[in-house]
């Protein structure tokens, strides 16, 4: 699942972690980062963006595992 964060000062090569797991960044600008959520699930998982050696304030995010309905 791809997720988009909007903000500022993301730099040119930000990294993203979700609950400490590295996410694959697919696109980034100074004001937007798109990334693929790493496998997992959970409630209030901290999402952290790091750019230029500085980490931003974590944003808590919740997501569910895939479910088969038929």
PDB file of N, CA and C in Angstrom:
ATOM      1  N   UNK A   1       0.845  -1.180   0.000  1.00  0.00           N
ATOM      2  CA  UNK A   1       0.000   0.000   0.000  1.00  0.00           C
ATOM      3  C   UNK A   1       0.884   1.235   0.000  1.00  0.00           C
ATOM      4  N   UNK A   2       0.584   2.168  -0.892  1.00  0.00           N
ATOM      5  CA  UNK A   2       1.354   3.403  -0.947  1.00  0.00           C
ATOM      6  C   UNK A   2       0.697   4.459  -0.072  1.00  0.00           C
ATOM      7  N   UNK A   3       1.519   5.206   0.625  1.00  0.00           N
ATOM      8  CA  UNK A   3       1.041   6.254   1.523  1.00  0.00           C
ATOM      9  C   UNK A   3       1.739   7.549   1.150  1.00  0.00           C
ATOM     10  N   UNK A   4       1.056   8.684   1.311  1.00  0.00           N
ATOM     11  CA  UNK A   4       1.625   9.999   1.024  1.00  0.00           C
ATOM     12  C   UNK A   4       1.583  10.851   2.283  1.00  0.00           C
ATOM     13  N   UNK A   5       2.721  11.447   2.607  1.00  0.00           N
ATOM     14  CA  UNK A   5       2.797  12.411   3.704  1.00  0.00           C
ATOM     15  C   UNK A   5       3.065  13.778   3.111  1.00  0.00           C
ATOM     16  N   UNK A   6       2.398  14.786   3.640  1.00  0.00           N
ATOM     17  CA  UNK A   6       2.648  16.155   3.206  1.00  0.00           C
ATOM     18  C   UNK A   6       3.171  16.951   4.388  1.00  0.00           C
ATOM     19  N   UNK A   7       4.106  17.836   4.114  1.00  0.00           N
ATOM     20  CA  UNK A   7       4.698  18.662   5.157  1.00  0.00           C
ATOM     21  C   UNK A   7       5.690  19.608   4.523  1.00  0.00           C
ATOM     22  N   UNK A   8       6.824  19.832   5.187  1.00  0.00           N
ATOM     23  CA  UNK A   8       7.850  20.685   4.609  1.00  0.00           C
ATOM     24  C   UNK A   8       9.227  20.280   5.107  1.00  0.00           C
ATOM     25  N   UNK A   9      10.243  20.739   4.384  1.00  0.00           N
ATOM     26  CA  UNK A   9      11.648  20.478   4.709  1.00  0.00           C
ATOM     27  C   UNK A   9      12.015  19.002   4.651  1.00  0.00           C
ATOM     28  N   UNK A  10      11.408  18.239   3.726  1.00  0.00           N
ATOM     29  CA  UNK A  10      11.724  16.822   3.586  1.00  0.00           C
ATOM     30  C   UNK A  10      13.040  16.601   2.852  1.00  0.00           C
ATOM     31  N   UNK A  11      13.603  17.626   2.240  1.00  0.00           N
ATOM     32  CA  UNK A  11      14.861  17.477   1.531  1.00  0.00           C
ATOM     33  C   UNK A  11      14.690  16.689   0.245  1.00  0.00           C
ATOM     34  N   UNK A  12      15.805  16.229  -0.304  1.00  0.00           N
ATOM     35  CA  UNK A  12      15.758  15.533  -1.586  1.00  0.00           C
ATOM     36  C   UNK A  12      15.796  14.014  -1.454  1.00  0.00           C
ATOM     37  N   UNK A  13      16.343  13.494  -0.373  1.00  0.00           N
ATOM     38  CA  UNK A  13      16.462  12.046  -0.196  1.00  0.00           C
ATOM     39  C   UNK A  13      16.015  11.607   1.195  1.00  0.00           C
ATOM     40  N   UNK A  14      14.748  11.839   1.539  1.00  0.00           N
ATOM     41  CA  UNK A  14      14.297  11.448   2.873  1.00  0.00           C
ATOM     42  C   UNK A  14      14.172   9.931   2.996  1.00  0.00           C
ATOM     43  N   UNK A  15      14.257   9.456   4.221  1.00  0.00           N
ATOM     44  CA  UNK A  15      13.954   8.062   4.524  1.00  0.00           C
ATOM     45  C   UNK A  15      12.733   8.038   5.427  1.00  0.00           C
ATOM     46  N   UNK A  16      12.008   6.926   5.383  1.00  0.00           N
ATOM     47  CA  UNK A  16      10.787   6.781   6.183  1.00  0.00           C
ATOM     48  C   UNK A  16      10.854   5.450   6.915  1.00  0.00           C
ATOM     49  N   UNK A  17      10.456   5.463   8.181  1.00  0.00           N
ATOM     50  CA  UNK A  17      10.281   4.224   8.931  1.00  0.00           C
ATOM     51  C   UNK A  17       8.878   4.187   9.501  1.00  0.00           C
ATOM     52  N   UNK A  18       8.335   2.980   9.605  1.00  0.00           N
ATOM     53  CA  UNK A  18       7.031   2.757  10.232  1.00  0.00           C
ATOM     54  C   UNK A  18       7.267   1.757  11.353  1.00  0.00           C
ATOM     55  N   UNK A  19       7.096   2.208  12.578  1.00  0.00           N
ATOM     56  CA  UNK A  19       7.352   1.381  13.762  1.00  0.00           C
ATOM     57  C   UNK A  19       8.756   0.782  13.706  1.00  0.00           C
ATOM     58  N   UNK A  20       9.723   1.554  13.212  1.00  0.00           N
ATOM     59  CA  UNK A  20      11.102   1.125  13.147  1.00  0.00           C
ATOM     60  C   UNK A  20      11.480   0.338  11.898  1.00  0.00           C
ATOM     61  N   UNK A  21      10.495  -0.064  11.091  1.00  0.00           N
ATOM     62  CA  UNK A  21      10.764  -0.813   9.856  1.00  0.00           C
ATOM     63  C   UNK A  21      10.927   0.166   8.704  1.00  0.00           C
ATOM     64  N   UNK A  22      11.969  -0.033   7.908  1.00  0.00           N
ATOM     65  CA  UNK A  22      12.224   0.844   6.770  1.00  0.00           C
ATOM     66  C   UNK A  22      11.146   0.695   5.708  1.00  0.00           C
ATOM     67  N   UNK A  23      10.688   1.825   5.186  1.00  0.00           N
ATOM     68  CA  UNK A  23       9.719   1.841   4.089  1.00  0.00           C
ATOM     69  C   UNK A  23      10.446   2.239   2.814  1.00  0.00           C
ATOM     70  N   UNK A  24       9.970   1.766   1.670  1.00  0.00           N
ATOM     71  CA  UNK A  24      10.557   2.111   0.381  1.00  0.00           C
ATOM     72  C   UNK A  24       9.946   3.437  -0.094  1.00  0.00           C
ATOM     73  N   UNK A  25      10.780   4.466  -0.229  1.00  0.00           N
ATOM     74  CA  UNK A  25      10.318   5.768  -0.721  1.00  0.00           C
ATOM     75  C   UNK A  25      10.208   5.680  -2.238  1.00  0.00           C
ATOM     76  N   UNK A  26       9.015   5.996  -2.767  1.00  0.00           N
ATOM     77  CA  UNK A  26       8.790   5.927  -4.211  1.00  0.00           C
ATOM     78  C   UNK A  26       8.884   7.288  -4.883  1.00  0.00           C
ATOM     79  N   UNK A  27       8.657   8.359  -4.132  1.00  0.00           N
ATOM     80  CA  UNK A  27       8.715   9.705  -4.686  1.00  0.00           C
ATOM     81  C   UNK A  27       8.867  10.693  -3.535  1.00  0.00           C
ATOM     82  N   UNK A  28       9.609  11.767  -3.776  1.00  0.00           N
ATOM     83  CA  UNK A  28       9.788  12.753  -2.709  1.00  0.00           C
ATOM     84  C   UNK A  28      10.082  14.124  -3.299  1.00  0.00           C
ATOM     85  N   UNK A  29       9.541  15.146  -2.644  1.00  0.00           N
ATOM     86  CA  UNK A  29       9.866  16.540  -2.918  1.00  0.00           C
ATOM     87  C   UNK A  29      10.110  17.184  -1.553  1.00  0.00           C
ATOM     88  N   UNK A  30      10.354  18.472  -1.526  1.00  0.00           N
ATOM     89  CA  UNK A  30      10.548  19.162  -0.246  1.00  0.00           C
ATOM     90  C   UNK A  30       9.274  19.188   0.593  1.00  0.00           C
ATOM     91  N   UNK A  31       8.103  18.982  -0.040  1.00  0.00           N
ATOM     92  CA  UNK A  31       6.842  19.081   0.698  1.00  0.00           C
ATOM     93  C   UNK A  31       5.987  17.813   0.668  1.00  0.00           C
ATOM     94  N   UNK A  32       6.503  16.710   0.070  1.00  0.00           N
ATOM     95  CA  UNK A  32       5.713  15.487  -0.040  1.00  0.00           C
ATOM     96  C   UNK A  32       6.634  14.281  -0.108  1.00  0.00           C
ATOM     97  N   UNK A  33       6.226  13.197   0.576  1.00  0.00           N
ATOM     98  CA  UNK A  33       6.946  11.927   0.503  1.00  0.00           C
ATOM     99  C   UNK A  33       5.919  10.827   0.264  1.00  0.00           C
ATOM    100  N   UNK A  34       6.127  10.020  -0.770  1.00  0.00           N
ATOM    101  CA  UNK A  34       5.295   8.849  -1.020  1.00  0.00           C
ATOM    102  C   UNK A  34       6.160   7.625  -0.740  1.00  0.00           C
ATOM    103  N   UNK A  35       5.570   6.622  -0.082  1.00  0.00           N
ATOM    104  CA  UNK A  35       6.318   5.424   0.262  1.00  0.00           C
ATOM    105  C   UNK A  35       5.385   4.231   0.352  1.00  0.00           C
ATOM    106  N   UNK A  36       5.986   3.042   0.287  1.00  0.00           N
ATOM    107  CA  UNK A  36       5.235   1.801   0.421  1.00  0.00           C
ATOM    108  C   UNK A  36       5.263   1.376   1.884  1.00  0.00           C
ATOM    109  N   UNK A  37       4.093   1.093   2.439  1.00  0.00           N
ATOM    110  CA  UNK A  37       4.035   0.629   3.819  1.00  0.00           C
ATOM    111  C   UNK A  37       4.723  -0.727   3.925  1.00  0.00           C
ATOM    112  N   UNK A  38       5.574  -0.928   4.923  1.00  0.00           N
ATOM    113  CA  UNK A  38       6.181  -2.242   5.094  1.00  0.00           C
ATOM    114  C   UNK A  38       5.128  -3.235   5.588  1.00  0.00           C
ATOM    115  N   UNK A  39       5.353  -4.532   5.405  1.00  0.00           N
ATOM    116  CA  UNK A  39       4.394  -5.515   5.886  1.00  0.00           C
ATOM    117  C   UNK A  39       4.168  -5.357   7.390  1.00  0.00           C
ATOM    118  N   UNK A  40       2.961  -5.620   7.807  1.00  0.00           N
ATOM    119  CA  UNK A  40       2.652  -5.545   9.230  1.00  0.00           C
ATOM    120  C   UNK A  40       1.255  -5.038   9.465  1.00  0.00           C
ATOM    121  N   UNK A  41       0.990  -4.805  10.697  1.00  0.00           N
ATOM    122  CA  UNK A  41      -0.298  -4.283  11.119  1.00  0.00           C
ATOM    123  C   UNK A  41      -0.099  -3.632  12.474  1.00  0.00           C
ATOM    124  N   UNK A  42      -1.086  -2.926  12.923  1.00  0.00           N
ATOM    125  CA  UNK A  42      -0.990  -2.373  14.261  1.00  0.00           C
ATOM    126  C   UNK A  42      -1.710  -1.058  14.417  1.00  0.00           C
ATOM    127  N   UNK A  43      -1.819  -0.661  15.663  1.00  0.00           N
ATOM    128  CA  UNK A  43      -2.481   0.576  16.031  1.00  0.00           C
ATOM    129  C   UNK A  43      -1.429   1.544  16.560  1.00  0.00           C
ATOM    130  N   UNK A  44      -1.562   2.789  16.158  1.00  0.00           N
ATOM    131  CA  UNK A  44      -0.650   3.853  16.605  1.00  0.00           C
ATOM    132  C   UNK A  44       0.809   3.519  16.341  1.00  0.00           C
ATOM    133  N   UNK A  45       1.093   3.081  15.111  1.00  0.00           N
ATOM    134  CA  UNK A  45       2.466   2.792  14.688  1.00  0.00           C
ATOM    135  C   UNK A  45       3.125   4.117  14.319  1.00  0.00           C
ATOM    136  N   UNK A  46       4.274   4.463  14.898  1.00  0.00           N
ATOM    137  CA  UNK A  46       4.905   5.739  14.584  1.00  0.00           C
ATOM    138  C   UNK A  46       5.533   5.755  13.190  1.00  0.00           C
ATOM    139  N   UNK A  47       5.179   6.766  12.411  1.00  0.00           N
ATOM    140  CA  UNK A  47       5.766   6.996  11.092  1.00  0.00           C
ATOM    141  C   UNK A  47       6.751   8.147  11.262  1.00  0.00           C
ATOM    142  N   UNK A  48       8.014   7.913  10.850  1.00  0.00           N
ATOM    143  CA  UNK A  48       9.072   8.908  11.049  1.00  0.00           C
ATOM    144  C   UNK A  48       9.754   9.203   9.720  1.00  0.00           C
ATOM    145  N   UNK A  49       9.919  10.492   9.430  1.00  0.00           N
ATOM    146  CA  UNK A  49      10.657  10.925   8.246  1.00  0.00           C
ATOM    147  C   UNK A  49      11.985  11.504   8.712  1.00  0.00           C
ATOM    148  N   UNK A  50      13.077  11.068   8.054  1.00  0.00           N
ATOM    149  CA  UNK A  50      14.401  11.586   8.359  1.00  0.00           C
ATOM    150  C   UNK A  50      14.984  12.172   7.074  1.00  0.00           C
ATOM    151  N   UNK A  51      15.482  13.397   7.169  1.00  0.00           N
ATOM    152  CA  UNK A  51      16.087  14.068   6.012  1.00  0.00           C
ATOM    153  C   UNK A  51      17.273  14.878   6.497  1.00  0.00           C
ATOM    154  N   UNK A  52      18.372  14.773   5.797  1.00  0.00           N
ATOM    155  CA  UNK A  52      19.549  15.547   6.159  1.00  0.00           C
ATOM    156  C   UNK A  52      20.059  15.234   7.556  1.00  0.00           C
ATOM    157  N   UNK A  53      19.850  14.005   8.017  1.00  0.00           N
ATOM    158  CA  UNK A  53      20.308  13.616   9.344  1.00  0.00           C
ATOM    159  C   UNK A  53      19.413  14.068  10.475  1.00  0.00           C
ATOM    160  N   UNK A  54      18.290  14.701  10.151  1.00  0.00           N
ATOM    161  CA  UNK A  54      17.367  15.165  11.180  1.00  0.00           C
ATOM    162  C   UNK A  54      16.041  14.433  11.049  1.00  0.00           C
ATOM    163  N   UNK A  55      15.489  14.006  12.173  1.00  0.00           N
ATOM    164  CA  UNK A  55      14.203  13.304  12.182  1.00  0.00           C
ATOM    165  C   UNK A  55      13.101  14.244  12.618  1.00  0.00           C
ATOM    166  N   UNK A  56      11.956  14.104  11.965  1.00  0.00           N
ATOM    167  CA  UNK A  56      10.799  14.898  12.329  1.00  0.00           C
ATOM    168  C   UNK A  56      10.051  14.279  13.493  1.00  0.00           C
ATOM    169  N   UNK A  57       8.984  14.907  13.896  1.00  0.00           N
ATOM    170  CA  UNK A  57       8.124  14.383  14.936  1.00  0.00           C
ATOM    171  C   UNK A  57       7.341  13.201  14.380  1.00  0.00           C
ATOM    172  N   UNK A  58       7.290  12.077  15.111  1.00  0.00           N
ATOM    173  CA  UNK A  58       6.549  10.926  14.588  1.00  0.00           C
ATOM    174  C   UNK A  58       5.051  11.212  14.478  1.00  0.00           C
ATOM    175  N   UNK A  59       4.450  10.610  13.474  1.00  0.00           N
ATOM    176  CA  UNK A  59       3.012  10.685  13.260  1.00  0.00           C
ATOM    177  C   UNK A  59       2.477   9.276  13.463  1.00  0.00           C
ATOM    178  N   UNK A  60       1.518   9.095  14.353  1.00  0.00           N
ATOM    179  CA  UNK A  60       0.976   7.764  14.597  1.00  0.00           C
ATOM    180  C   UNK A  60      -0.046   7.396  13.545  1.00  0.00           C
ATOM    181  N   UNK A  61       0.030   6.156  13.089  1.00  0.00           N
ATOM    182  CA  UNK A  61      -0.801   5.647  11.998  1.00  0.00           C
ATOM    183  C   UNK A  61      -1.235   4.231  12.342  1.00  0.00           C
ATOM    184  N   UNK A  62      -2.458   3.879  11.995  1.00  0.00           N
ATOM    185  CA  UNK A  62      -2.965   2.513  12.234  1.00  0.00           C
ATOM    186  C   UNK A  62      -3.344   1.870  10.921  1.00  0.00           C
ATOM    187  N   UNK A  63      -2.988   0.579  10.768  1.00  0.00           N
ATOM    188  CA  UNK A  63      -3.403  -0.131   9.574  1.00  0.00           C
ATOM    189  C   UNK A  63      -3.628  -1.607   9.868  1.00  0.00           C
ATOM    190  N   UNK A  64      -4.513  -2.183   9.102  1.00  0.00           N
ATOM    191  CA  UNK A  64      -4.948  -3.559   9.292  1.00  0.00           C
ATOM    192  C   UNK A  64      -4.263  -4.479   8.282  1.00  0.00           C
ATOM    193  N   UNK A  65      -4.167  -5.771   8.581  1.00  0.00           N
ATOM    194  CA  UNK A  65      -3.605  -6.718   7.621  1.00  0.00           C
ATOM    195  C   UNK A  65      -4.598  -6.975   6.495  1.00  0.00           C
ATOM    196  N   UNK A  66      -4.135  -7.538   5.373  1.00  0.00           N
ATOM    197  CA  UNK A  66      -5.065  -7.896   4.303  1.00  0.00           C
ATOM    198  C   UNK A  66      -6.058  -8.953   4.793  1.00  0.00           C
ATOM    199  N   UNK A  67      -7.244  -8.924   4.249  1.00  0.00           N
ATOM    200  CA  UNK A  67      -8.276  -9.894   4.616  1.00  0.00           C
ATOM    201  C   UNK A  67      -8.894 -10.489   3.353  1.00  0.00           C
ATOM    202  N   UNK A  68      -9.010 -11.806   3.326  1.00  0.00           N
ATOM    203  CA  UNK A  68      -9.640 -12.494   2.188  1.00  0.00           C
ATOM    204  C   UNK A  68     -11.116 -12.664   2.514  1.00  0.00           C
ATOM    205  N   UNK A  69     -11.957 -12.238   1.562  1.00  0.00           N
ATOM    206  CA  UNK A  69     -13.401 -12.331   1.802  1.00  0.00           C
ATOM    207  C   UNK A  69     -14.047 -13.475   1.041  1.00  0.00           C
ATOM    208  N   UNK A  70     -13.400 -14.006   0.009  1.00  0.00           N
ATOM    209  CA  UNK A  70     -13.966 -15.170  -0.686  1.00  0.00           C
ATOM    210  C   UNK A  70     -12.914 -15.834  -1.539  1.00  0.00           C
TER     211      UNK A  70
END
